[in-house]
Amino acid sequence: MYTTINNIKVHYEVHGKGQPIVLLHGWGTSLRLYDDVMNFLKNNYKVYTLDFPGFGLSEEPKKVWSVYDYADMTEAFLDEQSIKNPVLMGHSFGGRISIILGARRAIKKIILVDSAGVKPKRKANYYLKVYFYKFMKHIERIPGMRLLFGDLIDAYRNKAGSTDYKSASVMMRRILSKVVNDDLQHHMGKITASTLLIWGSNDTATPVADGRIMEKKIPDAALIVFDGAGHYSYLERPHEFKAIVENFMKEDTK
């Protein structure tokens, strides 16, 4: 199914009946990565999944969006679908949106899975790479320099850029650069919903230390760590994930 929000065509799916739960995917993926979770939850809940603009079957934003533009779009989707007091499940980037909405409006429960939202601590060599990359981009704009150093610039971009960055379109690269370092810790203390944090101990994209920060800052939060799992802990440990979510949600099936 499709709807149009803020002149953007957004793809979404709805399955099941009961308490609404909205599944928000991570950067560079789509609602399809939630298929197994959706099939599990739809037996007891009304499950909404959507492709964020720029991913899956949804259109790209027509300008450079911030994380708050994505939160506004998601909130507009909730209102359009008359979804009141939902449960939010957010993986990685989807966790960012869940944090913002959890601080803004009535949310029944929140499940954050390997969530982004804590600004990463960077080593000095990271900033050297960033500054050198910006220098290379500046050099590229000087007439004739692209002809002389184009291969060097492209080689450095391919080596230094993240997988998400290199695989994205020009617009989505610009958006990623804008949202990736947003620190949302100032929103966490405003979340009133009971919050479950699920993490992989070997997550290198959003390390488990971020989950421990969230556990301290969100008033009613508990962290569960899957030993040996990575950034996609819900896919790597599906049975444990479902059992924990079911236990967290079981009072809502009554």
Foldseek 3Di string as FASTA:
>chain_A
DWDADPNKIKDKDKAAAAAEEEEAEAAPAAQVVCVVVCVLCRPQHTYMYIGQDQYDPIHHDPAQDELVVSLVRVVVVCVVVVRPQHEYEYAASRLCSVLVVLLPHRHAEYEYELYDAAFDDDDPVLVVLVVVLVVLVVQCPPPPSCVVCVVVNVVSCVVNDDPSLVVGDPSVNSNCVRHVRHHRLVSQLSRPHQYEYEYECAEPSRHCVNVVSSQVRHPHYDYDYDYPDYSPNCVVPVVVVSVVVCVVCVVSSD
